[in-house]
Structure formats: structure tokens, C-alpha cells
Amino acid sequence: ALNDLPRRELRATRAHIQMIFQDPYGSLDPRQKIARIVAEPLANL
């Protein structure tokens, strides 16, 4: 149960569940290179 997990475990579990958003223009930071954008979930999780 996701909402019963402690915050640290939930953060680690989010590596196994990712999201694709609707707007391909607004969901990418225009100031960042693609390498950093794509690697962001990996760096955080």
C-alpha cells in the first residue's frame, strides 16, 4: 500500500512508477539540456 509507506520508502518506490505528462512543451525545463532532464528521476531516486 503506497500511502502506508514511510516517506523514505515511498521515495524509493517511485523509481518503479513513473509518469508521462500531457504537455510536451510545458513538462520539459527549457533551461536544461536533455541529458539533465532525462537523468532527473535517476538522480533523485
PDB file of all heavy atoms in Angstrom:
ATOM      1  N   ALA A   1       0.849  -1.190   0.000  1.00  0.00           N
ATOM      2  CA  ALA A   1       0.000   0.000   0.000  1.00  0.00           C
ATOM      3  C   ALA A   1       0.883   1.239   0.000  1.00  0.00           C
ATOM      4  O   ALA A   1       1.637   1.482   0.951  1.00  0.00           O
ATOM      5  CB  ALA A   1      -0.925  -0.012   1.213  1.00  0.00           C
ATOM      6  N   LEU A   2       0.794   2.049  -1.067  1.00  0.00           N
ATOM      7  CA  LEU A   2       1.712   3.177  -1.230  1.00  0.00           C
ATOM      8  C   LEU A   2       1.578   4.214  -0.124  1.00  0.00           C
ATOM      9  O   LEU A   2       2.567   4.743   0.379  1.00  0.00           O
ATOM     10  CB  LEU A   2       1.482   3.836  -2.589  1.00  0.00           C
ATOM     11  CG  LEU A   2       1.837   3.001  -3.827  1.00  0.00           C
ATOM     12  CD1 LEU A   2       1.588   3.810  -5.093  1.00  0.00           C
ATOM     13  CD2 LEU A   2       3.289   2.543  -3.766  1.00  0.00           C
ATOM     14  N   ASN A   3       0.360   4.520   0.289  1.00  0.00           N
ATOM     15  CA  ASN A   3       0.166   5.583   1.266  1.00  0.00           C
ATOM     16  C   ASN A   3       0.473   5.153   2.691  1.00  0.00           C
ATOM     17  O   ASN A   3       0.444   5.985   3.606  1.00  0.00           O
ATOM     18  CB  ASN A   3      -1.262   6.131   1.174  1.00  0.00           C
ATOM     19  CG  ASN A   3      -1.490   6.937  -0.097  1.00  0.00           C
ATOM     20  OD1 ASN A   3      -2.227   6.529  -0.985  1.00  0.00           O
ATOM     21  ND2 ASN A   3      -0.830   8.076  -0.200  1.00  0.00           N
ATOM     22  N   ASP A   4       0.754   3.867   2.893  1.00  0.00           N
ATOM     23  CA  ASP A   4       1.162   3.397   4.212  1.00  0.00           C
ATOM     24  C   ASP A   4       2.678   3.347   4.361  1.00  0.00           C
ATOM     25  O   ASP A   4       3.186   3.059   5.450  1.00  0.00           O
ATOM     26  CB  ASP A   4       0.588   1.992   4.475  1.00  0.00           C
ATOM     27  CG  ASP A   4      -0.920   2.010   4.640  1.00  0.00           C
ATOM     28  OD1 ASP A   4      -1.469   3.104   4.891  1.00  0.00           O
ATOM     29  OD2 ASP A   4      -1.556   0.948   4.502  1.00  0.00           O
ATOM     30  N   LEU A   5       3.404   3.612   3.278  1.00  0.00           N
ATOM     31  CA  LEU A   5       4.862   3.532   3.324  1.00  0.00           C
ATOM     32  C   LEU A   5       5.453   4.772   3.982  1.00  0.00           C
ATOM     33  O   LEU A   5       4.955   5.888   3.782  1.00  0.00           O
ATOM     34  CB  LEU A   5       5.436   3.400   1.910  1.00  0.00           C
ATOM     35  CG  LEU A   5       5.068   2.147   1.116  1.00  0.00           C
ATOM     36  CD1 LEU A   5       5.664   2.221  -0.282  1.00  0.00           C
ATOM     37  CD2 LEU A   5       5.566   0.900   1.829  1.00  0.00           C
ATOM     38  N   PRO A   6       6.514   4.616   4.763  1.00  0.00           N
ATOM     39  CA  PRO A   6       7.245   5.795   5.246  1.00  0.00           C
ATOM     40  C   PRO A   6       7.780   6.604   4.073  1.00  0.00           C
ATOM     41  O   PRO A   6       7.968   6.080   2.976  1.00  0.00           O
ATOM     42  CB  PRO A   6       8.393   5.181   6.067  1.00  0.00           C
ATOM     43  CG  PRO A   6       7.953   3.794   6.380  1.00  0.00           C
ATOM     44  CD  PRO A   6       7.084   3.356   5.247  1.00  0.00           C
ATOM     45  N   ARG A   7       8.022   7.888   4.309  1.00  0.00           N
ATOM     46  CA  ARG A   7       8.410   8.788   3.218  1.00  0.00           C
ATOM     47  C   ARG A   7       9.652   8.279   2.474  1.00  0.00           C
ATOM     48  O   ARG A   7       9.714   8.351   1.252  1.00  0.00           O
ATOM     49  CB  ARG A   7       8.666  10.179   3.771  1.00  0.00           C
ATOM     50  CG  ARG A   7       9.089  11.175   2.707  1.00  0.00           C
ATOM     51  CD  ARG A   7       9.161  12.584   3.242  1.00  0.00           C
ATOM     52  NE  ARG A   7       7.853  13.052   3.674  1.00  0.00           N
ATOM     53  CZ  ARG A   7       7.612  14.282   4.131  1.00  0.00           C
ATOM     54  NH1 ARG A   7       8.612  15.150   4.227  1.00  0.00           N
ATOM     55  NH2 ARG A   7       6.403  14.640   4.498  1.00  0.00           N
ATOM     56  N   ARG A   8      10.641   7.770   3.181  1.00  0.00           N
ATOM     57  CA  ARG A   8      11.861   7.307   2.523  1.00  0.00           C
ATOM     58  C   ARG A   8      11.579   6.109   1.629  1.00  0.00           C
ATOM     59  O   ARG A   8      12.092   6.024   0.514  1.00  0.00           O
ATOM     60  CB  ARG A   8      12.920   6.954   3.570  1.00  0.00           C
ATOM     61  CG  ARG A   8      14.224   6.459   2.975  1.00  0.00           C
ATOM     62  CD  ARG A   8      15.291   6.298   4.029  1.00  0.00           C
ATOM     63  NE  ARG A   8      15.643   7.581   4.635  1.00  0.00           N
ATOM     64  CZ  ARG A   8      16.567   7.725   5.586  1.00  0.00           C
ATOM     65  NH1 ARG A   8      17.220   6.662   6.037  1.00  0.00           N
ATOM     66  NH2 ARG A   8      16.837   8.910   6.083  1.00  0.00           N
ATOM     67  N   GLU A   9      10.753   5.172   2.111  1.00  0.00           N
ATOM     68  CA  GLU A   9      10.415   4.001   1.291  1.00  0.00           C
ATOM     69  C   GLU A   9       9.556   4.404   0.092  1.00  0.00           C
ATOM     70  O   GLU A   9       9.720   3.846  -1.004  1.00  0.00           O
ATOM     71  CB  GLU A   9       9.684   2.961   2.138  1.00  0.00           C
ATOM     72  CG  GLU A   9      10.566   2.234   3.129  1.00  0.00           C
ATOM     73  CD  GLU A   9       9.829   1.081   3.795  1.00  0.00           C
ATOM     74  OE1 GLU A   9       9.128   0.335   3.079  1.00  0.00           O
ATOM     75  OE2 GLU A   9       9.930   0.948   5.029  1.00  0.00           O
ATOM     76  N   LEU A  10       8.650   5.352   0.292  1.00  0.00           N
ATOM     77  CA  LEU A  10       7.829   5.815  -0.828  1.00  0.00           C
ATOM     78  C   LEU A  10       8.692   6.473  -1.895  1.00  0.00           C
ATOM     79  O   LEU A  10       8.478   6.263  -3.099  1.00  0.00           O
ATOM     80  CB  LEU A  10       6.775   6.809  -0.324  1.00  0.00           C
ATOM     81  CG  LEU A  10       5.862   7.425  -1.384  1.00  0.00           C
ATOM     82  CD1 LEU A  10       5.074   6.342  -2.117  1.00  0.00           C
ATOM     83  CD2 LEU A  10       4.912   8.436  -0.749  1.00  0.00           C
ATOM     84  N   ARG A  11       9.683   7.235  -1.482  1.00  0.00           N
ATOM     85  CA  ARG A  11      10.584   7.877  -2.437  1.00  0.00           C
ATOM     86  C   ARG A  11      11.319   6.828  -3.262  1.00  0.00           C
ATOM     87  O   ARG A  11      11.462   6.961  -4.485  1.00  0.00           O
ATOM     88  CB  ARG A  11      11.572   8.762  -1.682  1.00  0.00           C
ATOM     89  CG  ARG A  11      12.512   9.555  -2.577  1.00  0.00           C
ATOM     90  CD  ARG A  11      13.427  10.414  -1.725  1.00  0.00           C
ATOM     91  NE  ARG A  11      14.374  11.161  -2.542  1.00  0.00           N
ATOM     92  CZ  ARG A  11      14.145  12.337  -3.079  1.00  0.00           C
ATOM     93  NH1 ARG A  11      12.969  12.919  -2.886  1.00  0.00           N
ATOM     94  NH2 ARG A  11      15.053  12.950  -3.811  1.00  0.00           N
ATOM     95  N   ALA A  12      11.785   5.757  -2.589  1.00  0.00           N
ATOM     96  CA  ALA A  12      12.480   4.690  -3.316  1.00  0.00           C
ATOM     97  C   ALA A  12      11.526   3.924  -4.225  1.00  0.00           C
ATOM     98  O   ALA A  12      11.894   3.526  -5.338  1.00  0.00           O
ATOM     99  CB  ALA A  12      13.139   3.732  -2.316  1.00  0.00           C
ATOM    100  N   THR A  13      10.278   3.739  -3.789  1.00  0.00           N
ATOM    101  CA  THR A  13       9.295   3.012  -4.581  1.00  0.00           C
ATOM    102  C   THR A  13       8.941   3.765  -5.853  1.00  0.00           C
ATOM    103  O   THR A  13       8.598   3.161  -6.869  1.00  0.00           O
ATOM    104  CB  THR A  13       8.031   2.753  -3.748  1.00  0.00           C
ATOM    105  OG1 THR A  13       8.382   1.988  -2.590  1.00  0.00           O
ATOM    106  CG2 THR A  13       6.981   1.979  -4.545  1.00  0.00           C
ATOM    107  N   ARG A  14       9.034   5.091  -5.826  1.00  0.00           N
ATOM    108  CA  ARG A  14       8.694   5.880  -7.006  1.00  0.00           C
ATOM    109  C   ARG A  14       9.641   5.626  -8.172  1.00  0.00           C
ATOM    110  O   ARG A  14       9.355   6.036  -9.292  1.00  0.00           O
ATOM    111  CB  ARG A  14       8.670   7.367  -6.652  1.00  0.00           C
ATOM    112  CG  ARG A  14       7.422   7.786  -5.873  1.00  0.00           C
ATOM    113  CD  ARG A  14       7.094   9.253  -6.145  1.00  0.00           C
ATOM    114  NE  ARG A  14       5.826   9.626  -5.521  1.00  0.00           N
ATOM    115  CZ  ARG A  14       5.711  10.342  -4.406  1.00  0.00           C
ATOM    116  NH1 ARG A  14       6.790  10.752  -3.784  1.00  0.00           N
ATOM    117  NH2 ARG A  14       4.525  10.644  -3.923  1.00  0.00           N
ATOM    118  N   ALA A  15      10.774   4.970  -7.916  1.00  0.00           N
ATOM    119  CA  ALA A  15      11.635   4.570  -9.028  1.00  0.00           C
ATOM    120  C   ALA A  15      10.935   3.551  -9.912  1.00  0.00           C
ATOM    121  O   ALA A  15      11.282   3.399 -11.083  1.00  0.00           O
ATOM    122  CB  ALA A  15      12.944   3.990  -8.503  1.00  0.00           C
ATOM    123  N   HIS A  16       9.938   2.852  -9.354  1.00  0.00           N
ATOM    124  CA  HIS A  16       9.248   1.790 -10.091  1.00  0.00           C
ATOM    125  C   HIS A  16       7.943   2.265 -10.722  1.00  0.00           C
ATOM    126  O   HIS A  16       7.245   1.480 -11.359  1.00  0.00           O
ATOM    127  CB  HIS A  16       8.949   0.619  -9.153  1.00  0.00           C
ATOM    128  CG  HIS A  16      10.171   0.068  -8.487  1.00  0.00           C
ATOM    129  ND1 HIS A  16      11.213  -0.496  -9.197  1.00  0.00           N
ATOM    130  CD2 HIS A  16      10.527  -0.008  -7.177  1.00  0.00           C
ATOM    131  CE1 HIS A  16      12.155  -0.894  -8.353  1.00  0.00           C
ATOM    132  NE2 HIS A  16      11.767  -0.602  -7.130  1.00  0.00           N
ATOM    133  N   ILE A  17       7.603   3.553 -10.550  1.00  0.00           N
ATOM    134  CA  ILE A  17       6.361   4.062 -11.110  1.00  0.00           C
ATOM    135  C   ILE A  17       6.623   5.495 -11.588  1.00  0.00           C
ATOM    136  O   ILE A  17       6.976   6.364 -10.797  1.00  0.00           O
ATOM    137  CB  ILE A  17       5.212   3.989 -10.073  1.00  0.00           C
ATOM    138  CG1 ILE A  17       3.930   4.579 -10.651  1.00  0.00           C
ATOM    139  CG2 ILE A  17       5.579   4.606  -8.761  1.00  0.00           C
ATOM    140  CD1 ILE A  17       2.718   4.297  -9.761  1.00  0.00           C
ATOM    141  N   GLN A  18       6.515   5.701 -12.889  1.00  0.00           N
ATOM    142  CA  GLN A  18       6.846   6.994 -13.487  1.00  0.00           C
ATOM    143  C   GLN A  18       5.648   7.508 -14.286  1.00  0.00           C
ATOM    144  O   GLN A  18       4.734   6.758 -14.607  1.00  0.00           O
ATOM    145  CB  GLN A  18       8.068   6.871 -14.391  1.00  0.00           C
ATOM    146  CG  GLN A  18       9.364   6.584 -13.627  1.00  0.00           C
ATOM    147  CD  GLN A  18       9.805   7.760 -12.769  1.00  0.00           C
ATOM    148  OE1 GLN A  18       9.860   8.899 -13.245  1.00  0.00           O
ATOM    149  NE2 GLN A  18      10.111   7.508 -11.511  1.00  0.00           N
ATOM    150  N   MET A  19       5.699   8.796 -14.628  1.00  0.00           N
ATOM    151  CA  MET A  19       4.556   9.434 -15.266  1.00  0.00           C
ATOM    152  C   MET A  19       4.974  10.174 -16.533  1.00  0.00           C
ATOM    153  O   MET A  19       6.046  10.777 -16.587  1.00  0.00           O
ATOM    154  CB  MET A  19       3.891  10.405 -14.283  1.00  0.00           C
ATOM    155  CG  MET A  19       2.528  10.903 -14.722  1.00  0.00           C
ATOM    156  SD  MET A  19       1.642  11.645 -13.321  1.00  0.00           S
ATOM    157  CE  MET A  19       0.029  11.897 -14.047  1.00  0.00           C
ATOM    158  N   ILE A  20       4.110  10.095 -17.550  1.00  0.00           N
ATOM    159  CA  ILE A  20       4.256  10.890 -18.765  1.00  0.00           C
ATOM    160  C   ILE A  20       3.133  11.911 -18.755  1.00  0.00           C
ATOM    161  O   ILE A  20       1.961  11.547 -18.694  1.00  0.00           O
ATOM    162  CB  ILE A  20       4.174  10.019 -20.024  1.00  0.00           C
ATOM    163  CG1 ILE A  20       5.234   8.917 -19.995  1.00  0.00           C
ATOM    164  CG2 ILE A  20       4.345  10.867 -21.279  1.00  0.00           C
ATOM    165  CD1 ILE A  20       5.066   7.893 -21.103  1.00  0.00           C
ATOM    166  N   PHE A  21       3.496  13.194 -18.847  1.00  0.00           N
ATOM    167  CA  PHE A  21       2.501  14.247 -18.735  1.00  0.00           C
ATOM    168  C   PHE A  21       1.953  14.632 -20.099  1.00  0.00           C
ATOM    169  O   PHE A  21       2.487  14.272 -21.147  1.00  0.00           O
ATOM    170  CB  PHE A  21       3.108  15.468 -18.035  1.00  0.00           C
ATOM    171  CG  PHE A  21       3.486  15.213 -16.604  1.00  0.00           C
ATOM    172  CD1 PHE A  21       4.775  14.833 -16.272  1.00  0.00           C
ATOM    173  CD2 PHE A  21       2.545  15.326 -15.599  1.00  0.00           C
ATOM    174  CE1 PHE A  21       5.127  14.578 -14.961  1.00  0.00           C
ATOM    175  CE2 PHE A  21       2.886  15.080 -14.278  1.00  0.00           C
ATOM    176  CZ  PHE A  21       4.178  14.702 -13.958  1.00  0.00           C
ATOM    177  N   GLN A  22       0.890  15.401 -20.069  1.00  0.00           N
ATOM    178  CA  GLN A  22       0.139  15.729 -21.275  1.00  0.00           C
ATOM    179  C   GLN A  22       0.893  16.682 -22.201  1.00  0.00           C
ATOM    180  O   GLN A  22       0.929  16.488 -23.409  1.00  0.00           O
ATOM    181  CB  GLN A  22      -1.203  16.360 -20.894  1.00  0.00           C
ATOM    182  CG  GLN A  22      -2.018  16.861 -22.071  1.00  0.00           C
ATOM    183  CD  GLN A  22      -3.352  17.440 -21.619  1.00  0.00           C
ATOM    184  OE1 GLN A  22      -3.682  17.402 -20.442  1.00  0.00           O
ATOM    185  NE2 GLN A  22      -4.118  17.953 -22.547  1.00  0.00           N
ATOM    186  N   ASP A  23       1.504  17.710 -21.643  1.00  0.00           N
ATOM    187  CA  ASP A  23       2.060  18.791 -22.454  1.00  0.00           C
ATOM    188  C   ASP A  23       3.544  18.564 -22.709  1.00  0.00           C
ATOM    189  O   ASP A  23       4.362  18.698 -21.786  1.00  0.00           O
ATOM    190  CB  ASP A  23       1.859  20.126 -21.724  1.00  0.00           C
ATOM    191  CG  ASP A  23       2.307  21.317 -22.556  1.00  0.00           C
ATOM    192  OD1 ASP A  23       2.711  21.106 -23.711  1.00  0.00           O
ATOM    193  OD2 ASP A  23       2.241  22.444 -22.035  1.00  0.00           O
ATOM    194  N   PRO A  24       3.951  18.236 -23.939  1.00  0.00           N
ATOM    195  CA  PRO A  24       5.376  18.021 -24.214  1.00  0.00           C
ATOM    196  C   PRO A  24       6.177  19.312 -24.219  1.00  0.00           C
ATOM    197  O   PRO A  24       7.403  19.274 -24.283  1.00  0.00           O
ATOM    198  CB  PRO A  24       5.360  17.379 -25.603  1.00  0.00           C
ATOM    199  CG  PRO A  24       4.132  17.901 -26.248  1.00  0.00           C
ATOM    200  CD  PRO A  24       3.129  18.063 -25.142  1.00  0.00           C
ATOM    201  N   TYR A  25       5.502  20.459 -24.165  1.00  0.00           N
ATOM    202  CA  TYR A  25       6.191  21.747 -24.132  1.00  0.00           C
ATOM    203  C   TYR A  25       6.394  22.222 -22.700  1.00  0.00           C
ATOM    204  O   TYR A  25       7.465  22.676 -22.327  1.00  0.00           O
ATOM    205  CB  TYR A  25       5.407  22.783 -24.942  1.00  0.00           C
ATOM    206  CG  TYR A  25       5.307  22.416 -26.402  1.00  0.00           C
ATOM    207  CD1 TYR A  25       4.226  21.670 -26.873  1.00  0.00           C
ATOM    208  CD2 TYR A  25       6.287  22.783 -27.304  1.00  0.00           C
ATOM    209  CE1 TYR A  25       4.129  21.316 -28.212  1.00  0.00           C
ATOM    210  CE2 TYR A  25       6.198  22.429 -28.650  1.00  0.00           C
ATOM    211  CZ  TYR A  25       5.120  21.699 -29.092  1.00  0.00           C
ATOM    212  OH  TYR A  25       5.026  21.332 -30.409  1.00  0.00           O
ATOM    213  N   GLY A  26       5.365  22.122 -21.889  1.00  0.00           N
ATOM    214  CA  GLY A  26       5.469  22.614 -20.524  1.00  0.00           C
ATOM    215  C   GLY A  26       6.128  21.645 -19.558  1.00  0.00           C
ATOM    216  O   GLY A  26       6.529  22.044 -18.465  1.00  0.00           O
ATOM    217  N   SER A  27       6.253  20.365 -19.897  1.00  0.00           N
ATOM    218  CA  SER A  27       6.794  19.379 -18.958  1.00  0.00           C
ATOM    219  C   SER A  27       8.315  19.270 -19.007  1.00  0.00           C
ATOM    220  O   SER A  27       8.902  18.542 -18.199  1.00  0.00           O
ATOM    221  CB  SER A  27       6.178  18.007 -19.225  1.00  0.00           C
ATOM    222  OG  SER A  27       6.507  17.550 -20.523  1.00  0.00           O
ATOM    223  N   LEU A  28       8.964  19.973 -19.947  1.00  0.00           N
ATOM    224  CA  LEU A  28      10.430  19.942 -20.051  1.00  0.00           C
ATOM    225  C   LEU A  28      10.975  21.331 -19.724  1.00  0.00           C
ATOM    226  O   LEU A  28      10.538  22.327 -20.289  1.00  0.00           O
ATOM    227  CB  LEU A  28      10.875  19.529 -21.461  1.00  0.00           C
ATOM    228  CG  LEU A  28      10.343  18.198 -21.998  1.00  0.00           C
ATOM    229  CD1 LEU A  28      10.901  17.939 -23.393  1.00  0.00           C
ATOM    230  CD2 LEU A  28      10.671  17.056 -21.067  1.00  0.00           C
ATOM    231  N   ASP A  29      11.939  21.406 -18.825  1.00  0.00           N
ATOM    232  CA  ASP A  29      12.542  22.677 -18.423  1.00  0.00           C
ATOM    233  C   ASP A  29      13.358  23.238 -19.585  1.00  0.00           C
ATOM    234  O   ASP A  29      14.346  22.627 -20.010  1.00  0.00           O
ATOM    235  CB  ASP A  29      13.450  22.442 -17.213  1.00  0.00           C
ATOM    236  CG  ASP A  29      13.963  23.747 -16.600  1.00  0.00           C
ATOM    237  OD1 ASP A  29      13.940  24.785 -17.301  1.00  0.00           O
ATOM    238  OD2 ASP A  29      14.385  23.713 -15.437  1.00  0.00           O
ATOM    239  N   PRO A  30      12.964  24.400 -20.135  1.00  0.00           N
ATOM    240  CA  PRO A  30      13.668  24.923 -21.302  1.00  0.00           C
ATOM    241  C   PRO A  30      15.103  25.354 -21.016  1.00  0.00           C
ATOM    242  O   PRO A  30      15.892  25.565 -21.941  1.00  0.00           O
ATOM    243  CB  PRO A  30      12.807  26.127 -21.724  1.00  0.00           C
ATOM    244  CG  PRO A  30      12.125  26.553 -20.465  1.00  0.00           C
ATOM    245  CD  PRO A  30      11.876  25.285 -19.701  1.00  0.00           C
ATOM    246  N   ARG A  31      15.474  25.490 -19.743  1.00  0.00           N
ATOM    247  CA  ARG A  31      16.817  25.954 -19.389  1.00  0.00           C
ATOM    248  C   ARG A  31      17.815  24.816 -19.247  1.00  0.00           C
ATOM    249  O   ARG A  31      19.009  25.061 -19.087  1.00  0.00           O
ATOM    250  CB  ARG A  31      16.755  26.741 -18.073  1.00  0.00           C
ATOM    251  CG  ARG A  31      15.855  27.973 -18.124  1.00  0.00           C
ATOM    252  CD  ARG A  31      15.605  28.523 -16.743  1.00  0.00           C
ATOM    253  NE  ARG A  31      14.888  27.556 -15.912  1.00  0.00           N
ATOM    254  CZ  ARG A  31      14.566  27.749 -14.635  1.00  0.00           C
ATOM    255  NH1 ARG A  31      14.898  28.895 -14.053  1.00  0.00           N
ATOM    256  NH2 ARG A  31      13.922  26.826 -13.961  1.00  0.00           N
ATOM    257  N   GLN A  32      17.321  23.574 -19.258  1.00  0.00           N
ATOM    258  CA  GLN A  32      18.178  22.423 -19.031  1.00  0.00           C
ATOM    259  C   GLN A  32      18.429  21.661 -20.324  1.00  0.00           C
ATOM    260  O   GLN A  32      17.556  21.600 -21.202  1.00  0.00           O
ATOM    261  CB  GLN A  32      17.534  21.475 -18.002  1.00  0.00           C
ATOM    262  CG  GLN A  32      17.190  22.109 -16.671  1.00  0.00           C
ATOM    263  CD  GLN A  32      18.423  22.495 -15.881  1.00  0.00           C
ATOM    264  OE1 GLN A  32      19.535  22.050 -16.173  1.00  0.00           O
ATOM    265  NE2 GLN A  32      18.236  23.339 -14.864  1.00  0.00           N
ATOM    266  N   LYS A  33      19.600  21.065 -20.434  1.00  0.00           N
ATOM    267  CA  LYS A  33      19.882  20.187 -21.559  1.00  0.00           C
ATOM    268  C   LYS A  33      19.129  18.871 -21.383  1.00  0.00           C
ATOM    269  O   LYS A  33      18.761  18.483 -20.263  1.00  0.00           O
ATOM    270  CB  LYS A  33      21.380  19.925 -21.682  1.00  0.00           C
ATOM    271  CG  LYS A  33      22.179  21.142 -22.138  1.00  0.00           C
ATOM    272  CD  LYS A  33      23.642  20.797 -22.345  1.00  0.00           C
ATOM    273  CE  LYS A  33      24.415  22.003 -22.874  1.00  0.00           C
ATOM    274  NZ  LYS A  33      25.844  21.680 -23.096  1.00  0.00           N
ATOM    275  N   ILE A  34      18.939  18.180 -22.500  1.00  0.00           N
ATOM    276  CA  ILE A  34      18.156  16.951 -22.481  1.00  0.00           C
ATOM    277  C   ILE A  34      18.783  15.912 -21.565  1.00  0.00           C
ATOM    278  O   ILE A  34      18.076  15.167 -20.877  1.00  0.00           O
ATOM    279  CB  ILE A  34      18.016  16.394 -23.921  1.00  0.00           C
ATOM    280  CG1 ILE A  34      17.275  17.409 -24.804  1.00  0.00           C
ATOM    281  CG2 ILE A  34      17.284  15.057 -23.907  1.00  0.00           C
ATOM    282  CD1 ILE A  34      15.942  17.865 -24.278  1.00  0.00           C
ATOM    283  N   ALA A  35      20.107  15.842 -21.521  1.00  0.00           N
ATOM    284  CA  ALA A  35      20.780  14.862 -20.662  1.00  0.00           C
ATOM    285  C   ALA A  35      20.359  15.028 -19.209  1.00  0.00           C
ATOM    286  O   ALA A  35      20.072  14.047 -18.510  1.00  0.00           O
ATOM    287  CB  ALA A  35      22.294  15.004 -20.793  1.00  0.00           C
ATOM    288  N   ARG A  36      20.292  16.272 -18.748  1.00  0.00           N
ATOM    289  CA  ARG A  36      19.922  16.511 -17.348  1.00  0.00           C
ATOM    290  C   ARG A  36      18.440  16.256 -17.125  1.00  0.00           C
ATOM    291  O   ARG A  36      18.043  15.740 -16.079  1.00  0.00           O
ATOM    292  CB  ARG A  36      20.285  17.946 -16.960  1.00  0.00           C
ATOM    293  CG  ARG A  36      20.016  18.248 -15.505  1.00  0.00           C
ATOM    294  CD  ARG A  36      20.683  19.523 -15.067  1.00  0.00           C
ATOM    295  NE  ARG A  36      20.466  19.786 -13.648  1.00  0.00           N
ATOM    296  CZ  ARG A  36      20.990  20.803 -12.988  1.00  0.00           C
ATOM    297  NH1 ARG A  36      21.786  21.655 -13.632  1.00  0.00           N
ATOM    298  NH2 ARG A  36      20.736  20.987 -11.704  1.00  0.00           N
ATOM    299  N   ILE A  37      17.599  16.632 -18.109  1.00  0.00           N
ATOM    300  CA  ILE A  37      16.164  16.411 -17.989  1.00  0.00           C
ATOM    301  C   ILE A  37      15.858  14.917 -17.877  1.00  0.00           C
ATOM    302  O   ILE A  37      15.095  14.484 -17.007  1.00  0.00           O
ATOM    303  CB  ILE A  37      15.426  17.022 -19.195  1.00  0.00           C
ATOM    304  CG1 ILE A  37      15.496  18.546 -19.150  1.00  0.00           C
ATOM    305  CG2 ILE A  37      13.971  16.557 -19.237  1.00  0.00           C
ATOM    306  CD1 ILE A  37      14.961  19.223 -20.391  1.00  0.00           C
ATOM    307  N   VAL A  38      16.450  14.131 -18.768  1.00  0.00           N
ATOM    308  CA  VAL A  38      16.175  12.695 -18.790  1.00  0.00           C
ATOM    309  C   VAL A  38      16.732  12.017 -17.541  1.00  0.00           C
ATOM    310  O   VAL A  38      16.127  11.082 -16.994  1.00  0.00           O
ATOM    311  CB  VAL A  38      16.768  12.059 -20.068  1.00  0.00           C
ATOM    312  CG1 VAL A  38      16.647  10.542 -20.027  1.00  0.00           C
ATOM    313  CG2 VAL A  38      16.046  12.606 -21.304  1.00  0.00           C
ATOM    314  N   ALA A  39      17.873  12.485 -17.050  1.00  0.00           N
ATOM    315  CA  ALA A  39      18.519  11.845 -15.894  1.00  0.00           C
ATOM    316  C   ALA A  39      17.917  12.263 -14.562  1.00  0.00           C
ATOM    317  O   ALA A  39      18.258  11.678 -13.532  1.00  0.00           O
ATOM    318  CB  ALA A  39      20.010  12.172 -15.903  1.00  0.00           C
ATOM    319  N   GLU A  40      17.011  13.245 -14.570  1.00  0.00           N
ATOM    320  CA  GLU A  40      16.500  13.781 -13.313  1.00  0.00           C
ATOM    321  C   GLU A  40      15.882  12.721 -12.398  1.00  0.00           C
ATOM    322  O   GLU A  40      16.197  12.677 -11.205  1.00  0.00           O
ATOM    323  CB  GLU A  40      15.492  14.893 -13.593  1.00  0.00           C
ATOM    324  CG  GLU A  40      14.987  15.580 -12.339  1.00  0.00           C
ATOM    325  CD  GLU A  40      14.051  16.742 -12.668  1.00  0.00           C
ATOM    326  OE1 GLU A  40      13.743  16.931 -13.858  1.00  0.00           O
ATOM    327  OE2 GLU A  40      13.628  17.434 -11.740  1.00  0.00           O
ATOM    328  N   PRO A  41      14.993  11.835 -12.896  1.00  0.00           N
ATOM    329  CA  PRO A  41      14.456  10.816 -11.983  1.00  0.00           C
ATOM    330  C   PRO A  41      15.534   9.893 -11.439  1.00  0.00           C
ATOM    331  O   PRO A  41      15.465   9.469 -10.283  1.00  0.00           O
ATOM    332  CB  PRO A  41      13.470  10.036 -12.876  1.00  0.00           C
ATOM    333  CG  PRO A  41      13.167  10.953 -14.008  1.00  0.00           C
ATOM    334  CD  PRO A  41      14.405  11.731 -14.243  1.00  0.00           C
ATOM    335  N   LEU A  42      16.547   9.606 -12.231  1.00  0.00           N
ATOM    336  CA  LEU A  42      17.631   8.723 -11.795  1.00  0.00           C
ATOM    337  C   LEU A  42      18.444   9.387 -10.698  1.00  0.00           C
ATOM    338  O   LEU A  42      18.812   8.755  -9.707  1.00  0.00           O
ATOM    339  CB  LEU A  42      18.523   8.391 -12.995  1.00  0.00           C
ATOM    340  CG  LEU A  42      19.513   7.246 -12.834  1.00  0.00           C
ATOM    341  CD1 LEU A  42      18.774   5.942 -12.634  1.00  0.00           C
ATOM    342  CD2 LEU A  42      20.412   7.167 -14.054  1.00  0.00           C
ATOM    343  N   ALA A  43      18.699  10.671 -10.855  1.00  0.00           N
ATOM    344  CA  ALA A  43      19.484  11.386  -9.854  1.00  0.00           C
ATOM    345  C   ALA A  43      18.744  11.480  -8.532  1.00  0.00           C
ATOM    346  O   ALA A  43      19.353  11.418  -7.459  1.00  0.00           O
ATOM    347  CB  ALA A  43      19.824  12.781 -10.370  1.00  0.00           C
ATOM    348  N   ASN A  44      17.412  11.631  -8.584  1.00  0.00           N
ATOM    349  CA  ASN A  44      16.625  11.789  -7.363  1.00  0.00           C
ATOM    350  C   ASN A  44      16.336  10.464  -6.657  1.00  0.00           C
ATOM    351  O   ASN A  44      16.166  10.431  -5.440  1.00  0.00           O
ATOM    352  CB  ASN A  44      15.298  12.476  -7.689  1.00  0.00           C
ATOM    353  CG  ASN A  44      15.494  13.935  -8.031  1.00  0.00           C
ATOM    354  OD1 ASN A  44      16.480  14.541  -7.644  1.00  0.00           O
ATOM    355  ND2 ASN A  44      14.558  14.505  -8.770  1.00  0.00           N
ATOM    356  N   LEU A  45      16.261   9.366  -7.439  1.00  0.00           N
ATOM    357  CA  LEU A  45      15.766   8.113  -6.878  1.00  0.00           C
ATOM    358  C   LEU A  45      16.806   7.025  -6.753  1.00  0.00           C
ATOM    359  O   LEU A  45      16.564   6.008  -6.136  1.00  0.00           O
ATOM    360  CB  LEU A  45      14.609   7.593  -7.748  1.00  0.00           C
ATOM    361  CG  LEU A  45      13.416   8.527  -7.867  1.00  0.00           C
ATOM    362  CD1 LEU A  45      12.399   7.957  -8.838  1.00  0.00           C
ATOM    363  CD2 LEU A  45      12.783   8.757  -6.511  1.00  0.00           C
TER     364      LEU A  45
END
